[in-house]
PDB file of N, CA and C in Angstrom:
ATOM      1  N   MET A   1     211.458 239.755 370.224  1.00  0.00           N
ATOM      2  CA  MET A   1     211.586 240.067 368.792  1.00  0.00           C
ATOM      3  C   MET A   1     210.438 240.943 368.366  1.00  0.00           C
ATOM      4  N   TYR A   2     210.644 242.037 367.746  1.00  0.00           N
ATOM      5  CA  TYR A   2     209.643 242.931 367.210  1.00  0.00           C
ATOM      6  C   TYR A   2     209.350 242.755 365.803  1.00  0.00           C
ATOM      7  N   LEU A   3     208.019 242.864 365.468  1.00  0.00           N
ATOM      8  CA  LEU A   3     207.508 242.659 364.113  1.00  0.00           C
ATOM      9  C   LEU A   3     206.892 243.964 363.595  1.00  0.00           C
ATOM     10  N   THR A   4     206.966 244.225 362.279  1.00  0.00           N
ATOM     11  CA  THR A   4     206.192 245.283 361.732  1.00  0.00           C
ATOM     12  C   THR A   4     204.754 244.898 361.568  1.00  0.00           C
ATOM     13  N   ILE A   5     203.874 245.837 361.174  1.00  0.00           N
ATOM     14  CA  ILE A   5     202.459 245.393 360.989  1.00  0.00           C
ATOM     15  C   ILE A   5     202.341 244.415 359.959  1.00  0.00           C
ATOM     16  N   LYS A   6     203.066 244.430 358.826  1.00  0.00           N
ATOM     17  CA  LYS A   6     202.987 243.457 357.716  1.00  0.00           C
ATOM     18  C   LYS A   6     203.508 242.108 358.339  1.00  0.00           C
ATOM     19  N   ASP A   7     204.602 242.017 359.008  1.00  0.00           N
ATOM     20  CA  ASP A   7     205.045 240.826 359.555  1.00  0.00           C
ATOM     21  C   ASP A   7     204.122 240.202 360.512  1.00  0.00           C
ATOM     22  N   THR A   8     203.408 241.059 361.348  1.00  0.00           N
ATOM     23  CA  THR A   8     202.506 240.560 362.330  1.00  0.00           C
ATOM     24  C   THR A   8     201.234 239.992 361.595  1.00  0.00           C
ATOM     25  N   ALA A   9     200.815 240.711 360.536  1.00  0.00           N
ATOM     26  CA  ALA A   9     199.635 240.306 359.873  1.00  0.00           C
ATOM     27  C   ALA A   9     199.964 238.838 359.236  1.00  0.00           C
ATOM     28  N   GLU A  10     201.126 238.640 358.655  1.00  0.00           N
ATOM     29  CA  GLU A  10     201.549 237.359 358.159  1.00  0.00           C
ATOM     30  C   GLU A  10     201.635 236.271 359.221  1.00  0.00           C
ATOM     31  N   TYR A  11     202.128 236.674 360.359  1.00  0.00           N
ATOM     32  CA  TYR A  11     202.350 235.749 361.480  1.00  0.00           C
ATOM     33  C   TYR A  11     200.991 235.244 361.974  1.00  0.00           C
ATOM     34  N   LEU A  12     199.975 236.163 362.105  1.00  0.00           N
ATOM     35  CA  LEU A  12     198.733 235.859 362.625  1.00  0.00           C
ATOM     36  C   LEU A  12     197.701 235.442 361.534  1.00  0.00           C
ATOM     37  N   SER A  13     198.074 235.535 360.365  1.00  0.00           N
ATOM     38  CA  SER A  13     197.177 235.239 359.125  1.00  0.00           C
ATOM     39  C   SER A  13     195.986 236.130 359.195  1.00  0.00           C
ATOM     40  N   LEU A  14     196.189 237.348 359.364  1.00  0.00           N
ATOM     41  CA  LEU A  14     195.157 238.390 359.453  1.00  0.00           C
ATOM     42  C   LEU A  14     195.507 239.606 358.449  1.00  0.00           C
ATOM     43  N   PRO A  15     194.512 240.308 358.022  1.00  0.00           N
ATOM     44  CA  PRO A  15     194.848 241.484 357.153  1.00  0.00           C
ATOM     45  C   PRO A  15     195.571 242.566 357.878  1.00  0.00           C
ATOM     46  N   GLU A  16     196.422 243.303 357.131  1.00  0.00           N
ATOM     47  CA  GLU A  16     197.138 244.396 357.812  1.00  0.00           C
ATOM     48  C   GLU A  16     196.241 245.482 358.371  1.00  0.00           C
ATOM     49  N   THR A  17     195.147 245.820 357.734  1.00  0.00           N
ATOM     50  CA  THR A  17     194.221 246.819 358.209  1.00  0.00           C
ATOM     51  C   THR A  17     193.668 246.421 359.513  1.00  0.00           C
ATOM     52  N   TYR A  18     193.433 245.105 359.735  1.00  0.00           N
ATOM     53  CA  TYR A  18     192.883 244.628 360.986  1.00  0.00           C
ATOM     54  C   TYR A  18     193.897 244.879 362.148  1.00  0.00           C
ATOM     55  N   ILE A  19     195.189 244.542 361.822  1.00  0.00           N
ATOM     56  CA  ILE A  19     196.239 244.746 362.851  1.00  0.00           C
ATOM     57  C   ILE A  19     196.316 246.265 363.156  1.00  0.00           C
ATOM     58  N   GLU A  20     196.230 247.111 362.212  1.00  0.00           N
ATOM     59  CA  GLU A  20     196.311 248.541 362.385  1.00  0.00           C
ATOM     60  C   GLU A  20     195.136 249.004 363.279  1.00  0.00           C
ATOM     61  N   ASN A  21     193.906 248.493 363.057  1.00  0.00           N
ATOM     62  CA  ASN A  21     192.831 248.784 363.908  1.00  0.00           C
ATOM     63  C   ASN A  21     193.043 248.361 365.359  1.00  0.00           C
ATOM     64  N   LEU A  22     193.569 247.154 365.534  1.00  0.00           N
ATOM     65  CA  LEU A  22     193.863 246.695 366.822  1.00  0.00           C
ATOM     66  C   LEU A  22     194.847 247.600 367.584  1.00  0.00           C
ATOM     67  N   ILE A  23     195.828 248.111 366.873  1.00  0.00           N
ATOM     68  CA  ILE A  23     196.766 248.992 367.533  1.00  0.00           C
ATOM     69  C   ILE A  23     196.176 250.331 367.852  1.00  0.00           C
ATOM     70  N   LEU A  24     195.369 250.827 366.877  1.00  0.00           N
ATOM     71  CA  LEU A  24     194.654 252.205 367.144  1.00  0.00           C
ATOM     72  C   LEU A  24     193.703 252.075 368.360  1.00  0.00           C
ATOM     73  N   HIS A  25     193.028 250.882 368.486  1.00  0.00           N
ATOM     74  CA  HIS A  25     192.060 250.741 369.543  1.00  0.00           C
ATOM     75  C   HIS A  25     192.701 250.210 370.861  1.00  0.00           C
ATOM     76  N   LYS A  26     194.013 250.113 370.830  1.00  0.00           N
ATOM     77  CA  LYS A  26     194.793 249.660 371.929  1.00  0.00           C
ATOM     78  C   LYS A  26     194.462 248.223 372.405  1.00  0.00           C
ATOM     79  N   LYS A  27     194.136 247.369 371.458  1.00  0.00           N
ATOM     80  CA  LYS A  27     193.903 245.907 371.780  1.00  0.00           C
ATOM     81  C   LYS A  27     195.217 245.169 371.836  1.00  0.00           C
ATOM     82  N   ILE A  28     196.206 245.655 371.107  1.00  0.00           N
ATOM     83  CA  ILE A  28     197.565 244.983 371.179  1.00  0.00           C
ATOM     84  C   ILE A  28     198.530 246.152 371.399  1.00  0.00           C
ATOM     85  N   ARG A  29     199.633 245.848 372.070  1.00  0.00           N
ATOM     86  CA  ARG A  29     200.652 246.898 372.405  1.00  0.00           C
ATOM     87  C   ARG A  29     201.603 246.996 371.174  1.00  0.00           C
ATOM     88  N   ALA A  30     201.996 248.216 370.889  1.00  0.00           N
ATOM     89  CA  ALA A  30     202.925 248.506 369.928  1.00  0.00           C
ATOM     90  C   ALA A  30     203.775 249.748 370.243  1.00  0.00           C
ATOM     91  N   VAL A  31     204.925 249.775 369.665  1.00  0.00           N
ATOM     92  CA  VAL A  31     205.821 250.932 369.837  1.00  0.00           C
ATOM     93  C   VAL A  31     205.974 251.638 368.525  1.00  0.00           C
ATOM     94  N   TYR A  32     205.742 252.964 368.516  1.00  0.00           N
ATOM     95  CA  TYR A  32     205.964 253.768 367.249  1.00  0.00           C
ATOM     96  C   TYR A  32     207.391 254.319 367.288  1.00  0.00           C
ATOM     97  N   ASP A  33     208.132 253.923 366.288  1.00  0.00           N
ATOM     98  CA  ASP A  33     209.565 254.416 366.207  1.00  0.00           C
ATOM     99  C   ASP A  33     209.833 255.641 365.402  1.00  0.00           C
ATOM    100  N   GLY A  34     208.677 256.283 364.923  1.00  0.00           N
ATOM    101  CA  GLY A  34     208.786 257.438 364.079  1.00  0.00           C
ATOM    102  C   GLY A  34     208.370 257.122 362.604  1.00  0.00           C
ATOM    103  N   ASN A  35     208.576 255.970 362.261  1.00  0.00           N
ATOM    104  CA  ASN A  35     208.241 255.455 360.854  1.00  0.00           C
ATOM    105  C   ASN A  35     207.225 254.395 360.874  1.00  0.00           C
ATOM    106  N   ASN A  36     207.464 253.419 361.768  1.00  0.00           N
ATOM    107  CA  ASN A  36     206.629 252.257 361.766  1.00  0.00           C
ATOM    108  C   ASN A  36     206.229 251.871 363.152  1.00  0.00           C
ATOM    109  N   TYR A  37     205.081 251.120 363.330  1.00  0.00           N
ATOM    110  CA  TYR A  37     204.686 250.515 364.519  1.00  0.00           C
ATOM    111  C   TYR A  37     205.520 249.216 364.704  1.00  0.00           C
ATOM    112  N   LEU A  38     206.051 248.967 365.845  1.00  0.00           N
ATOM    113  CA  LEU A  38     206.679 247.683 366.122  1.00  0.00           C
ATOM    114  C   LEU A  38     205.952 247.005 367.193  1.00  0.00           C
ATOM    115  N   ILE A  39     205.657 245.681 366.899  1.00  0.00           N
ATOM    116  CA  ILE A  39     204.859 244.850 367.814  1.00  0.00           C
ATOM    117  C   ILE A  39     205.691 243.714 368.390  1.00  0.00           C
ATOM    118  N   ASN A  40     205.695 243.554 369.669  1.00  0.00           N
ATOM    119  CA  ASN A  40     206.423 242.461 370.275  1.00  0.00           C
ATOM    120  C   ASN A  40     205.742 241.133 369.983  1.00  0.00           C
ATOM    121  N   LYS A  41     206.452 240.235 369.445  1.00  0.00           N
ATOM    122  CA  LYS A  41     205.916 238.950 369.106  1.00  0.00           C
ATOM    123  C   LYS A  41     205.496 238.079 370.237  1.00  0.00           C
ATOM    124  N   GLN A  42     206.114 238.226 371.372  1.00  0.00           N
ATOM    125  CA  GLN A  42     205.903 237.459 372.617  1.00  0.00           C
ATOM    126  C   GLN A  42     204.436 237.617 373.099  1.00  0.00           C
ATOM    127  N   GLN A  43     203.807 238.845 372.909  1.00  0.00           N
ATOM    128  CA  GLN A  43     202.510 239.039 373.472  1.00  0.00           C
ATOM    129  C   GLN A  43     201.431 238.078 372.843  1.00  0.00           C
ATOM    130  N   PHE A  44     201.723 237.496 371.720  1.00  0.00           N
ATOM    131  CA  PHE A  44     200.785 236.596 371.134  1.00  0.00           C
ATOM    132  C   PHE A  44     200.933 235.132 371.458  1.00  0.00           C
ATOM    133  N   GLN A  45     202.064 234.853 372.076  1.00  0.00           N
ATOM    134  CA  GLN A  45     202.426 233.473 372.405  1.00  0.00           C
ATOM    135  C   GLN A  45     201.432 232.778 373.287  1.00  0.00           C
ATOM    136  N   SER A  46     201.079 233.394 374.369  1.00  0.00           N
ATOM    137  CA  SER A  46     200.064 232.726 375.360  1.00  0.00           C
ATOM    138  C   SER A  46     198.718 232.617 374.688  1.00  0.00           C
ATOM    139  N   HIS A  47     198.346 233.605 373.913  1.00  0.00           N
ATOM    140  CA  HIS A  47     197.059 233.541 373.215  1.00  0.00           C
ATOM    141  C   HIS A  47     197.076 232.394 372.215  1.00  0.00           C
ATOM    142  N   LEU A  48     198.156 232.244 371.404  1.00  0.00           N
ATOM    143  CA  LEU A  48     198.140 231.147 370.456  1.00  0.00           C
ATOM    144  C   LEU A  48     198.188 229.727 371.156  1.00  0.00           C
ATOM    145  N   GLU A  49     198.853 229.683 372.289  1.00  0.00           N
ATOM    146  CA  GLU A  49     198.956 228.448 373.002  1.00  0.00           C
ATOM    147  C   GLU A  49     197.538 228.069 373.606  1.00  0.00           C
ATOM    148  N   GLN A  50     196.876 228.994 374.098  1.00  0.00           N
ATOM    149  CA  GLN A  50     195.449 228.763 374.590  1.00  0.00           C
ATOM    150  C   GLN A  50     194.553 228.382 373.445  1.00  0.00           C
ATOM    151  N   MET A  51     194.664 228.991 372.317  1.00  0.00           N
ATOM    152  CA  MET A  51     193.774 228.722 371.142  1.00  0.00           C
ATOM    153  C   MET A  51     194.058 227.245 370.711  1.00  0.00           C
ATOM    154  N   GLU A  52     195.342 226.848 370.731  1.00  0.00           N
ATOM    155  CA  GLU A  52     195.634 225.514 370.340  1.00  0.00           C
ATOM    156  C   GLU A  52     195.085 224.439 371.332  1.00  0.00           C
ATOM    157  N   LYS A  53     195.190 224.857 372.599  1.00  0.00           N
ATOM    158  CA  LYS A  53     194.609 223.983 373.675  1.00  0.00           C
ATOM    159  C   LYS A  53     193.140 223.799 373.490  1.00  0.00           C
ATOM    160  N   TYR A  54     192.388 224.924 373.295  1.00  0.00           N
ATOM    161  CA  TYR A  54     190.953 224.796 373.073  1.00  0.00           C
ATOM    162  C   TYR A  54     190.554 224.120 371.767  1.00  0.00           C
ATOM    163  N   ARG A  55     191.377 224.297 370.759  1.00  0.00           N
ATOM    164  CA  ARG A  55     191.098 223.578 369.490  1.00  0.00           C
ATOM    165  C   ARG A  55     191.180 222.049 369.711  1.00  0.00           C
ATOM    166  N   LYS A  56     192.191 221.609 370.447  1.00  0.00           N
ATOM    167  CA  LYS A  56     192.394 220.137 370.743  1.00  0.00           C
ATOM    168  C   LYS A  56     191.246 219.631 371.582  1.00  0.00           C
ATOM    169  N   LEU A  57     190.819 220.411 372.512  1.00  0.00           N
ATOM    170  CA  LEU A  57     189.726 220.000 373.428  1.00  0.00           C
ATOM    171  C   LEU A  57     188.422 219.897 372.629  1.00  0.00           C
ATOM    172  N   PHE A  58     188.184 220.882 371.723  1.00  0.00           N
ATOM    173  CA  PHE A  58     186.976 220.857 370.925  1.00  0.00           C
ATOM    174  C   PHE A  58     187.047 219.524 369.946  1.00  0.00           C
ATOM    175  N   GLU A  59     188.173 219.291 369.330  1.00  0.00           N
ATOM    176  CA  GLU A  59     188.317 218.167 368.503  1.00  0.00           C
ATOM    177  C   GLU A  59     188.020 216.893 369.239  1.00  0.00           C
ATOM    178  N   GLU A  60     188.574 216.763 370.481  1.00  0.00           N
ATOM    179  CA  GLU A  60     188.230 215.520 371.312  1.00  0.00           C
ATOM    180  C   GLU A  60     186.746 215.448 371.552  1.00  0.00           C
ATOM    181  N   TRP A  61     186.159 216.518 371.936  1.00  0.00           N
ATOM    182  CA  TRP A  61     184.676 216.482 372.255  1.00  0.00           C
ATOM    183  C   TRP A  61     183.908 216.170 371.044  1.00  0.00           C
ATOM    184  N   TYR A  62     184.332 216.801 369.881  1.00  0.00           N
ATOM    185  CA  TYR A  62     183.583 216.578 368.598  1.00  0.00           C
ATOM    186  C   TYR A  62     183.644 215.134 368.122  1.00  0.00           C
ATOM    187  N   ASN A  63     184.743 214.571 368.308  1.00  0.00           N
ATOM    188  CA  ASN A  63     184.984 213.139 367.852  1.00  0.00           C
ATOM    189  C   ASN A  63     184.569 212.025 368.776  1.00  0.00           C
ATOM    190  N   GLU A  64     184.185 212.445 369.943  1.00  0.00           N
ATOM    191  CA  GLU A  64     183.681 211.518 370.942  1.00  0.00           C
ATOM    192  C   GLU A  64     182.382 210.868 370.506  1.00  0.00           C
ATOM    193  N   PRO A  65     182.241 209.577 370.511  1.00  0.00           N
ATOM    194  CA  PRO A  65     181.033 208.915 370.109  1.00  0.00           C
ATOM    195  C   PRO A  65     179.843 209.264 371.084  1.00  0.00           C
ATOM    196  N   LEU A  66     178.665 209.298 370.589  1.00  0.00           N
ATOM    197  CA  LEU A  66     177.509 209.506 371.352  1.00  0.00           C
ATOM    198  C   LEU A  66     177.156 208.231 372.217  1.00  0.00           C
ATOM    199  N   PRO A  67     176.912 208.434 373.452  1.00  0.00           N
ATOM    200  CA  PRO A  67     176.535 207.283 374.248  1.00  0.00           C
ATOM    201  C   PRO A  67     175.155 206.859 373.957  1.00  0.00           C
ATOM    202  N   GLU A  68     175.000 205.535 374.068  1.00  0.00           N
ATOM    203  CA  GLU A  68     173.624 204.926 373.869  1.00  0.00           C
ATOM    204  C   GLU A  68     172.670 205.397 374.964  1.00  0.00           C
ATOM    205  N   ASP A  69     171.534 205.770 374.598  1.00  0.00           N
ATOM    206  CA  ASP A  69     170.541 206.222 375.594  1.00  0.00           C
ATOM    207  C   ASP A  69     169.676 204.992 376.079  1.00  0.00           C
ATOM    208  N   PRO A  70     169.803 204.649 377.385  1.00  0.00           N
ATOM    209  CA  PRO A  70     169.168 203.442 377.864  1.00  0.00           C
ATOM    210  C   PRO A  70     167.612 203.607 377.854  1.00  0.00           C
ATOM    211  N   ASP A  71     167.159 204.807 377.705  1.00  0.00           N
ATOM    212  CA  ASP A  71     165.670 205.038 377.754  1.00  0.00           C
ATOM    213  C   ASP A  71     165.023 204.790 376.355  1.00  0.00           C
ATOM    214  N   ILE A  72     165.753 204.642 375.384  1.00  0.00           N
ATOM    215  CA  ILE A  72     165.179 204.408 374.035  1.00  0.00           C
ATOM    216  C   ILE A  72     164.881 202.965 373.901  1.00  0.00           C
ATOM    217  N   LYS A  73     163.668 202.690 373.587  1.00  0.00           N
ATOM    218  CA  LYS A  73     163.195 201.258 373.360  1.00  0.00           C
ATOM    219  C   LYS A  73     162.527 201.201 371.995  1.00  0.00           C
ATOM    220  N   ASP A  74     162.753 200.142 371.359  1.00  0.00           N
ATOM    221  CA  ASP A  74     162.107 199.906 370.124  1.00  0.00           C
ATOM    222  C   ASP A  74     160.755 199.278 370.372  1.00  0.00           C
ATOM    223  N   GLU A  75     159.751 200.066 370.285  1.00  0.00           N
ATOM    224  CA  GLU A  75     158.378 199.526 370.525  1.00  0.00           C
ATOM    225  C   GLU A  75     157.537 199.550 369.295  1.00  0.00           C
ATOM    226  N   ASP A  76     157.455 198.411 368.578  1.00  0.00           N
ATOM    227  CA  ASP A  76     156.583 198.361 367.408  1.00  0.00           C
ATOM    228  C   ASP A  76     155.297 197.721 367.757  1.00  0.00           C
TER     229      ASP A  76
END
C-alpha cells in the first residue's frame, strides 16, 4: 500500500516537512508519479516493530527494582 506524504506524516506522527526532507535526502524510498511522492507503507513495519520491542525492554529495565547492595552497612 502506498501513502502520500501527508498520509505518511499522519501514520508516523511526524511533520510533513520532515517526511519531505527524508525523501530528498534519500533516507526513505519514494516513487514520484508526476504529481506526488508515493511511499510504500511496508518499509516502516520492521522499524516500528523494533521500536516497540526496545520500548518494552526499556520499560522492563526501568521498572525493575534495584537490588540491595550487600556492602552497605549501617555504621553509627
